[in-house]
Amino acid sequence: MINLRTATSEQMTKIVPFLKVFSRLNQRVYRWSGGRLLGKLDGHEICVVTMTGAKSGQTRVVPLMYVPYRDGVILVGSQGGTPKSPPWVHNLTANPDIEVQHRSRTMRLRARRASAQEKQQVWPVCCQHYPDYEVYQQRTDRDIPVFICEPR
């Protein structure tokens, strides 16, 4: 069994397919229950993000860690510190208008990738809400993308 906190980047890559299956189940149960069920991961709150696929144009729904910021949220493309960013990063870049459900509240937001300077400022906020982000950044050589999502 792989310990997610001590796993290598390569080990994380191997479990991504299993995480995708869990994510599908998680987002369905979360939405159905208004976040009362499967609303936390390791004691930290999650949200469900609805976006448009960059290539397909189809609706995509992804559960992510909830990092409140001002009147919106911050989304972190960590994927557990794997060598590649999660597919949703490409979707968000191409189609920045999203909906974020946190518990029973739904927010219509516009995402933008944080500049290097902005990331420096908001990274501590991200790690405060989910400390494993720091572990994930240490695990990978890539710069983990951070998106600031504000009301539209």
Protein backbone atom coordinates (compact mmCIF):
# COMPACT_ATOMS: atom_id res chain seq x y z
CA MET A 1 0.00 0.00 0.00
CA ILE A 2 1.28 3.46 -0.94
CA ASN A 3 1.44 6.19 1.69
CA LEU A 4 0.22 9.28 -0.16
CA ARG A 5 2.33 11.64 1.96
CA THR A 6 5.61 9.83 1.33
CA ALA A 7 4.95 8.51 -2.17
CA THR A 8 7.28 9.48 -4.99
CA SER A 9 6.12 11.37 -8.05
CA GLU A 10 6.29 8.14 -10.07
CA GLN A 11 4.19 6.25 -7.51
CA MET A 12 1.58 9.01 -7.59
CA THR A 13 1.40 8.73 -11.38
CA LYS A 14 0.48 5.06 -11.01
CA ILE A 15 -2.47 5.74 -8.72
CA VAL A 16 -3.99 8.58 -10.78
CA PRO A 17 -6.39 6.19 -12.62
CA PHE A 18 -7.78 5.05 -9.26
CA LEU A 19 -8.13 8.64 -8.12
CA LYS A 20 -10.18 9.40 -11.24
CA VAL A 21 -12.68 6.67 -10.37
CA PHE A 22 -12.95 7.92 -6.78
CA SER A 23 -13.31 11.51 -8.03
CA ARG A 24 -16.31 10.59 -10.18
CA LEU A 25 -18.02 8.92 -7.25
CA ASN A 26 -17.02 11.75 -4.89
CA GLN A 27 -18.45 14.54 -7.02
CA ARG A 28 -21.76 12.72 -7.55
CA VAL A 29 -22.29 11.97 -3.86
CA TYR A 30 -21.12 15.46 -2.88
CA ARG A 31 -23.55 17.17 -5.25
CA TRP A 32 -26.43 14.88 -4.29
CA SER A 33 -25.89 15.48 -0.57
CA GLY A 34 -25.09 19.20 -0.77
CA GLY A 35 -21.61 18.47 0.52
CA ARG A 36 -22.77 16.66 3.67
CA LEU A 37 -21.32 13.37 2.40
CA LEU A 38 -17.76 13.06 1.05
CA GLY A 39 -17.26 16.76 1.77
CA LYS A 40 -13.85 16.33 3.37
CA LEU A 41 -10.57 14.66 2.52
CA ASP A 42 -8.32 13.87 5.45
CA GLY A 43 -10.29 16.39 7.50
CA HIS A 44 -9.99 19.19 4.93
CA GLU A 45 -12.96 20.56 3.00
CA ILE A 46 -13.45 20.01 -0.70
CA CYS A 47 -15.54 21.73 -3.35
CA VAL A 48 -16.86 20.58 -6.70
CA VAL A 49 -15.84 22.55 -9.79
CA THR A 50 -17.88 22.48 -13.00
CA MET A 51 -16.00 23.56 -16.11
CA THR A 52 -16.00 23.13 -19.89
CA GLY A 53 -13.57 20.73 -21.55
CA ALA A 54 -10.93 22.47 -23.69
CA LYS A 55 -11.12 20.00 -26.58
CA SER A 56 -14.53 18.38 -26.19
CA GLY A 57 -16.57 21.39 -25.10
CA GLN A 58 -18.36 19.00 -22.72
CA THR A 59 -19.12 19.72 -19.10
CA ARG A 60 -16.49 18.38 -16.69
CA VAL A 61 -16.99 18.11 -12.95
CA VAL A 62 -14.00 17.76 -10.63
CA PRO A 63 -13.77 17.61 -6.83
CA LEU A 64 -10.87 19.73 -5.55
CA MET A 65 -9.62 21.00 -2.23
CA TYR A 66 -11.56 24.02 -1.03
CA VAL A 67 -9.35 27.07 -0.53
CA PRO A 68 -11.51 30.14 0.11
CA TYR A 69 -10.02 33.43 -1.02
CA ARG A 70 -11.72 36.81 -0.88
CA ASP A 71 -15.14 36.38 -2.57
CA GLY A 72 -14.06 33.27 -4.49
CA VAL A 73 -11.63 30.39 -4.25
CA ILE A 74 -8.12 29.31 -5.16
CA LEU A 75 -7.71 26.10 -7.16
CA VAL A 76 -4.39 24.26 -7.04
CA GLY A 77 -3.31 21.96 -9.88
CA SER A 78 -1.18 19.68 -7.73
CA GLN A 79 -2.42 16.20 -8.72
CA GLY A 80 -0.50 14.92 -5.72
CA GLY A 81 2.81 16.18 -7.06
CA THR A 82 2.84 14.07 -10.23
CA PRO A 83 5.12 15.17 -13.10
CA LYS A 84 2.15 16.50 -15.11
CA SER A 85 -0.59 18.94 -14.24
CA PRO A 86 -4.11 17.52 -14.03
CA PRO A 87 -6.19 17.73 -17.24
CA TRP A 88 -8.52 20.28 -15.68
CA VAL A 89 -5.71 22.89 -15.78
CA HIS A 90 -5.92 22.91 -19.59
CA ASN A 91 -9.72 23.14 -19.41
CA LEU A 92 -9.59 26.11 -17.04
CA THR A 93 -7.02 27.91 -19.18
CA ALA A 94 -9.17 27.51 -22.29
CA ASN A 95 -12.53 28.12 -20.59
CA PRO A 96 -12.12 30.20 -17.42
CA ASP A 97 -15.82 30.57 -16.54
CA ILE A 98 -16.64 27.97 -13.89
CA GLU A 99 -19.10 27.08 -11.17
CA VAL A 100 -17.85 26.05 -7.76
CA GLN A 101 -20.07 24.27 -5.28
CA HIS A 102 -19.00 24.39 -1.65
CA ARG A 103 -21.50 22.53 0.48
CA SER A 104 -24.89 23.80 -0.72
CA ARG A 105 -23.56 27.15 -2.04
CA THR A 106 -22.79 27.54 -5.75
CA MET A 107 -20.57 30.37 -7.01
CA ARG A 108 -20.17 31.52 -10.61
CA LEU A 109 -16.51 32.42 -10.96
CA ARG A 110 -13.86 33.30 -13.53
CA ALA A 111 -10.47 31.65 -13.10
CA ARG A 112 -7.11 33.08 -13.98
CA ARG A 113 -3.71 31.61 -13.44
CA ALA A 114 -1.80 33.39 -10.70
CA SER A 115 1.38 35.14 -11.77
CA ALA A 116 4.61 34.08 -10.04
CA GLN A 117 4.32 37.06 -7.69
CA GLU A 118 0.67 36.34 -6.91
CA LYS A 119 1.44 32.68 -6.30
CA GLN A 120 4.07 33.68 -3.76
CA GLN A 121 1.42 35.67 -1.93
CA VAL A 122 -1.38 33.07 -2.02
CA TRP A 123 0.66 29.86 -1.62
CA PRO A 124 0.67 30.18 2.20
CA VAL A 125 -3.14 30.50 2.09
CA CYS A 126 -3.32 27.30 0.03
CA CYS A 127 -1.06 25.43 2.44
CA GLN A 128 -2.99 26.72 5.44
CA HIS A 129 -6.15 25.10 4.08
CA TYR A 130 -4.41 21.93 2.86
CA PRO A 131 -0.87 21.47 4.24
CA ASP A 132 -0.06 18.59 1.86
CA TYR A 133 0.30 21.08 -1.00
CA GLU A 134 3.78 21.81 0.33
CA VAL A 135 4.59 18.07 0.23
CA TYR A 136 3.30 17.90 -3.35
CA GLN A 137 5.43 20.86 -4.48
CA GLN A 138 8.52 19.23 -2.98
CA ARG A 139 7.65 15.97 -4.74
CA THR A 140 7.70 17.42 -8.26
CA ASP A 141 9.99 19.56 -10.39
CA ARG A 142 7.10 21.34 -12.10
CA ASP A 143 5.69 24.60 -10.87
CA ILE A 144 2.27 23.64 -9.55
CA PRO A 145 -0.29 25.96 -11.17
CA VAL A 146 -2.53 28.07 -8.94
CA PHE A 147 -5.74 29.68 -10.17
CA ILE A 148 -7.42 32.62 -8.51
CA CYS A 149 -11.15 32.38 -9.10
CA GLU A 150 -13.21 35.53 -8.62
CA PRO A 151 -16.91 36.35 -9.07
CA ARG A 152 -17.95 37.07 -12.62
